[in-house]
């Protein structure tokens, strides 16, 4: 049996429909389409869409996106984590 890829996922306090992720903001600010970024990172547009929604992002994909935007994984996906109680 093959090992499953490591993914980033977290319980969110707010539905993502009401919040634009930093990943989406960066894409829009740079006038890019999901398809363009997906191609550069070697993932499908569906994977790019899930990344922007913060849904089960593989670590390898998160690292590629961070490299693409010249930032950190924490800056792109830190919003997914609940703040400490």
N, C-alpha and C. Protein backbone atom coordinates (compact mmCIF):
# COMPACT_ATOMS: atom_id res chain seq x y z
N UNK A 1 0.85 -1.18 0.00
CA UNK A 1 0.00 0.00 0.00
C UNK A 1 0.89 1.24 0.00
N UNK A 2 0.60 2.17 -0.88
CA UNK A 2 1.38 3.40 -1.00
C UNK A 2 1.09 4.34 0.16
N UNK A 3 2.10 5.09 0.56
CA UNK A 3 1.90 6.09 1.61
C UNK A 3 1.05 7.23 1.09
N UNK A 4 0.15 7.71 1.93
CA UNK A 4 -0.67 8.86 1.57
C UNK A 4 0.16 10.12 1.71
N UNK A 5 -0.07 11.11 0.82
CA UNK A 5 0.67 12.36 0.96
C UNK A 5 0.26 13.10 2.23
N UNK A 6 1.18 13.85 2.77
CA UNK A 6 0.88 14.66 3.95
C UNK A 6 0.06 15.85 3.49
N UNK A 7 -1.00 16.17 4.23
CA UNK A 7 -1.85 17.30 3.86
C UNK A 7 -1.95 18.28 5.01
N UNK A 8 -2.28 19.51 4.65
CA UNK A 8 -2.54 20.56 5.63
C UNK A 8 -4.04 20.76 5.66
N UNK A 9 -4.63 20.56 6.81
CA UNK A 9 -6.05 20.85 6.96
C UNK A 9 -6.29 21.20 8.41
N UNK A 10 -7.29 22.00 8.64
CA UNK A 10 -7.58 22.43 10.00
C UNK A 10 -9.05 22.79 10.11
N UNK A 11 -9.55 22.73 11.32
CA UNK A 11 -10.92 23.17 11.56
C UNK A 11 -10.91 24.69 11.58
N UNK A 12 -11.82 25.28 10.84
CA UNK A 12 -11.89 26.74 10.78
C UNK A 12 -13.07 27.23 11.62
N UNK A 13 -12.90 28.37 12.22
CA UNK A 13 -13.98 28.96 13.01
C UNK A 13 -15.04 29.58 12.12
N UNK A 14 -14.62 30.16 11.00
CA UNK A 14 -15.55 30.82 10.08
C UNK A 14 -15.62 30.04 8.78
N UNK A 15 -16.79 29.96 8.15
CA UNK A 15 -16.84 29.33 6.83
C UNK A 15 -15.96 30.11 5.86
N UNK A 16 -15.27 29.38 4.97
CA UNK A 16 -14.38 30.05 4.04
C UNK A 16 -15.14 30.88 3.02
N UNK A 17 -16.43 30.64 2.86
CA UNK A 17 -17.21 31.41 1.88
C UNK A 17 -17.24 32.89 2.24
N UNK A 18 -17.03 33.22 3.51
CA UNK A 18 -17.08 34.61 3.97
C UNK A 18 -15.69 35.25 4.06
N UNK A 19 -14.69 34.51 3.66
CA UNK A 19 -13.33 34.99 3.83
C UNK A 19 -12.51 34.67 2.59
N UNK A 20 -11.73 35.62 2.14
CA UNK A 20 -10.85 35.38 1.00
C UNK A 20 -9.48 35.04 1.55
N UNK A 21 -8.95 33.92 1.13
CA UNK A 21 -7.65 33.47 1.65
C UNK A 21 -6.52 34.34 1.11
N UNK A 22 -5.40 34.39 1.81
CA UNK A 22 -4.24 35.12 1.31
C UNK A 22 -3.80 34.60 -0.06
N UNK A 23 -3.97 33.32 -0.29
CA UNK A 23 -3.60 32.73 -1.57
C UNK A 23 -4.45 33.31 -2.71
N UNK A 24 -5.74 33.42 -2.48
CA UNK A 24 -6.64 34.02 -3.48
C UNK A 24 -6.31 35.49 -3.68
N UNK A 25 -6.07 36.20 -2.59
CA UNK A 25 -5.73 37.62 -2.68
C UNK A 25 -4.47 37.83 -3.51
N UNK A 26 -3.44 37.04 -3.26
CA UNK A 26 -2.20 37.16 -4.03
C UNK A 26 -2.44 36.89 -5.52
N UNK A 27 -3.22 35.86 -5.80
CA UNK A 27 -3.50 35.52 -7.20
C UNK A 27 -4.21 36.68 -7.89
N UNK A 28 -5.21 37.22 -7.26
CA UNK A 28 -5.98 38.32 -7.85
C UNK A 28 -5.13 39.59 -7.99
N UNK A 29 -4.33 39.89 -6.97
CA UNK A 29 -3.47 41.08 -7.02
C UNK A 29 -2.46 41.01 -8.17
N UNK A 30 -2.06 39.79 -8.52
CA UNK A 30 -1.09 39.60 -9.58
C UNK A 30 -1.74 39.34 -10.94
N UNK A 31 -3.07 39.42 -10.98
CA UNK A 31 -3.79 39.24 -12.23
C UNK A 31 -3.61 37.87 -12.86
N UNK A 32 -3.51 36.85 -12.01
CA UNK A 32 -3.28 35.50 -12.50
C UNK A 32 -4.56 34.66 -12.44
N UNK A 33 -4.59 33.64 -13.27
CA UNK A 33 -5.70 32.68 -13.26
C UNK A 33 -5.24 31.42 -12.54
N UNK A 34 -6.19 30.73 -11.94
CA UNK A 34 -5.87 29.48 -11.25
C UNK A 34 -5.15 28.52 -12.17
N UNK A 35 -5.59 28.44 -13.41
CA UNK A 35 -5.01 27.53 -14.38
C UNK A 35 -3.51 27.80 -14.59
N UNK A 36 -3.13 29.09 -14.62
CA UNK A 36 -1.72 29.46 -14.82
C UNK A 36 -0.86 29.00 -13.65
N UNK A 37 -1.36 29.22 -12.44
CA UNK A 37 -0.60 28.85 -11.25
C UNK A 37 -0.52 27.34 -11.13
N UNK A 38 -1.63 26.67 -11.40
CA UNK A 38 -1.66 25.21 -11.34
C UNK A 38 -0.63 24.62 -12.30
N UNK A 39 -0.57 25.16 -13.51
CA UNK A 39 0.39 24.66 -14.50
C UNK A 39 1.83 24.87 -14.02
N UNK A 40 2.13 26.04 -13.51
CA UNK A 40 3.47 26.34 -13.01
C UNK A 40 3.86 25.38 -11.88
N UNK A 41 2.90 25.11 -10.98
CA UNK A 41 3.18 24.28 -9.82
C UNK A 41 3.05 22.78 -10.11
N UNK A 42 2.57 22.44 -11.31
CA UNK A 42 2.44 21.03 -11.67
C UNK A 42 1.30 20.32 -10.98
N UNK A 43 0.22 21.06 -10.73
CA UNK A 43 -0.98 20.48 -10.11
C UNK A 43 -2.19 20.77 -10.99
N UNK A 44 -3.29 20.14 -10.70
CA UNK A 44 -4.51 20.40 -11.47
C UNK A 44 -5.17 21.70 -11.01
N UNK A 45 -5.99 22.31 -11.87
CA UNK A 45 -6.75 23.49 -11.43
C UNK A 45 -7.64 23.19 -10.22
N UNK A 46 -8.14 21.96 -10.14
CA UNK A 46 -8.97 21.58 -8.99
C UNK A 46 -8.15 21.60 -7.70
N UNK A 47 -6.90 21.15 -7.79
CA UNK A 47 -6.01 21.18 -6.63
C UNK A 47 -5.73 22.62 -6.22
N UNK A 48 -5.51 23.48 -7.20
CA UNK A 48 -5.28 24.90 -6.92
C UNK A 48 -6.51 25.50 -6.23
N UNK A 49 -7.68 25.16 -6.71
CA UNK A 49 -8.92 25.66 -6.11
C UNK A 49 -9.05 25.19 -4.67
N UNK A 50 -8.77 23.91 -4.41
CA UNK A 50 -8.82 23.40 -3.03
C UNK A 50 -7.81 24.11 -2.14
N UNK A 51 -6.64 24.41 -2.69
CA UNK A 51 -5.62 25.13 -1.91
C UNK A 51 -6.14 26.50 -1.50
N UNK A 52 -6.79 27.20 -2.44
CA UNK A 52 -7.33 28.53 -2.12
C UNK A 52 -8.44 28.45 -1.08
N UNK A 53 -9.15 27.33 -1.05
CA UNK A 53 -10.21 27.14 -0.06
C UNK A 53 -9.67 26.60 1.25
N UNK A 54 -8.42 26.15 1.23
CA UNK A 54 -7.82 25.59 2.44
C UNK A 54 -8.29 24.20 2.74
N UNK A 55 -8.60 23.42 1.70
CA UNK A 55 -9.13 22.08 1.88
C UNK A 55 -8.08 21.03 1.54
N UNK A 56 -7.56 20.33 2.54
CA UNK A 56 -6.62 19.23 2.34
C UNK A 56 -5.53 19.55 1.32
N UNK A 57 -4.72 20.49 1.64
CA UNK A 57 -3.62 20.90 0.77
C UNK A 57 -2.41 20.02 1.07
N UNK A 58 -1.88 19.35 0.05
CA UNK A 58 -0.68 18.56 0.26
C UNK A 58 0.49 19.49 0.58
N UNK A 59 1.34 19.04 1.46
CA UNK A 59 2.49 19.86 1.87
C UNK A 59 3.33 20.23 0.65
N UNK A 60 3.53 19.27 -0.25
CA UNK A 60 4.33 19.55 -1.45
C UNK A 60 3.71 20.68 -2.27
N UNK A 61 2.39 20.69 -2.38
CA UNK A 61 1.69 21.75 -3.12
C UNK A 61 1.83 23.07 -2.39
N UNK A 62 1.68 23.06 -1.07
CA UNK A 62 1.82 24.28 -0.27
C UNK A 62 3.21 24.88 -0.45
N UNK A 63 4.23 24.03 -0.46
CA UNK A 63 5.60 24.51 -0.64
C UNK A 63 5.81 25.10 -2.03
N UNK A 64 5.25 24.47 -3.05
CA UNK A 64 5.36 25.00 -4.42
C UNK A 64 4.69 26.36 -4.53
N UNK A 65 3.53 26.50 -3.92
CA UNK A 65 2.81 27.77 -3.96
C UNK A 65 3.57 28.86 -3.22
N UNK A 66 4.13 28.51 -2.07
CA UNK A 66 4.91 29.48 -1.31
C UNK A 66 6.12 29.93 -2.11
N UNK A 67 6.76 28.99 -2.77
CA UNK A 67 7.92 29.33 -3.61
C UNK A 67 7.49 30.23 -4.77
N UNK A 68 6.36 29.90 -5.39
CA UNK A 68 5.86 30.68 -6.51
C UNK A 68 5.63 32.14 -6.10
N UNK A 69 5.02 32.34 -4.93
CA UNK A 69 4.70 33.69 -4.46
C UNK A 69 5.83 34.32 -3.64
N UNK A 70 6.92 33.60 -3.49
CA UNK A 70 8.07 34.08 -2.71
C UNK A 70 7.66 34.49 -1.29
N UNK A 71 6.98 33.57 -0.64
CA UNK A 71 6.53 33.78 0.73
C UNK A 71 6.64 32.47 1.48
N UNK A 72 6.04 32.39 2.65
CA UNK A 72 6.09 31.17 3.46
C UNK A 72 4.75 30.45 3.43
N UNK A 73 4.80 29.18 3.76
CA UNK A 73 3.57 28.39 3.88
C UNK A 73 2.69 29.00 4.97
N UNK A 74 3.31 29.46 6.03
CA UNK A 74 2.55 30.06 7.13
C UNK A 74 1.77 31.29 6.68
N UNK A 75 2.39 32.11 5.83
CA UNK A 75 1.70 33.30 5.32
C UNK A 75 0.51 32.91 4.44
N UNK A 76 0.66 31.84 3.67
CA UNK A 76 -0.41 31.42 2.77
C UNK A 76 -1.53 30.67 3.47
N UNK A 77 -1.18 29.84 4.46
CA UNK A 77 -2.18 28.95 5.05
C UNK A 77 -2.37 29.11 6.55
N UNK A 78 -1.69 30.04 7.18
CA UNK A 78 -1.82 30.25 8.61
C UNK A 78 -3.23 30.61 9.05
N UNK A 79 -3.99 31.23 8.14
CA UNK A 79 -5.36 31.64 8.45
C UNK A 79 -6.25 30.44 8.75
N UNK A 80 -5.86 29.23 8.32
CA UNK A 80 -6.69 28.04 8.52
C UNK A 80 -6.70 27.58 9.96
N UNK A 81 -5.68 27.94 10.70
CA UNK A 81 -5.54 27.43 12.06
C UNK A 81 -6.37 28.23 13.04
N UNK A 82 -6.94 27.54 13.99
CA UNK A 82 -7.65 28.21 15.06
C UNK A 82 -6.64 28.92 15.95
N UNK A 83 -7.02 30.07 16.47
CA UNK A 83 -6.14 30.75 17.42
C UNK A 83 -6.19 30.00 18.75
N UNK A 84 -5.13 30.05 19.53
CA UNK A 84 -5.09 29.33 20.80
C UNK A 84 -6.21 29.78 21.73
N UNK A 85 -6.73 28.87 22.51
CA UNK A 85 -7.82 29.18 23.46
C UNK A 85 -7.29 29.89 24.66
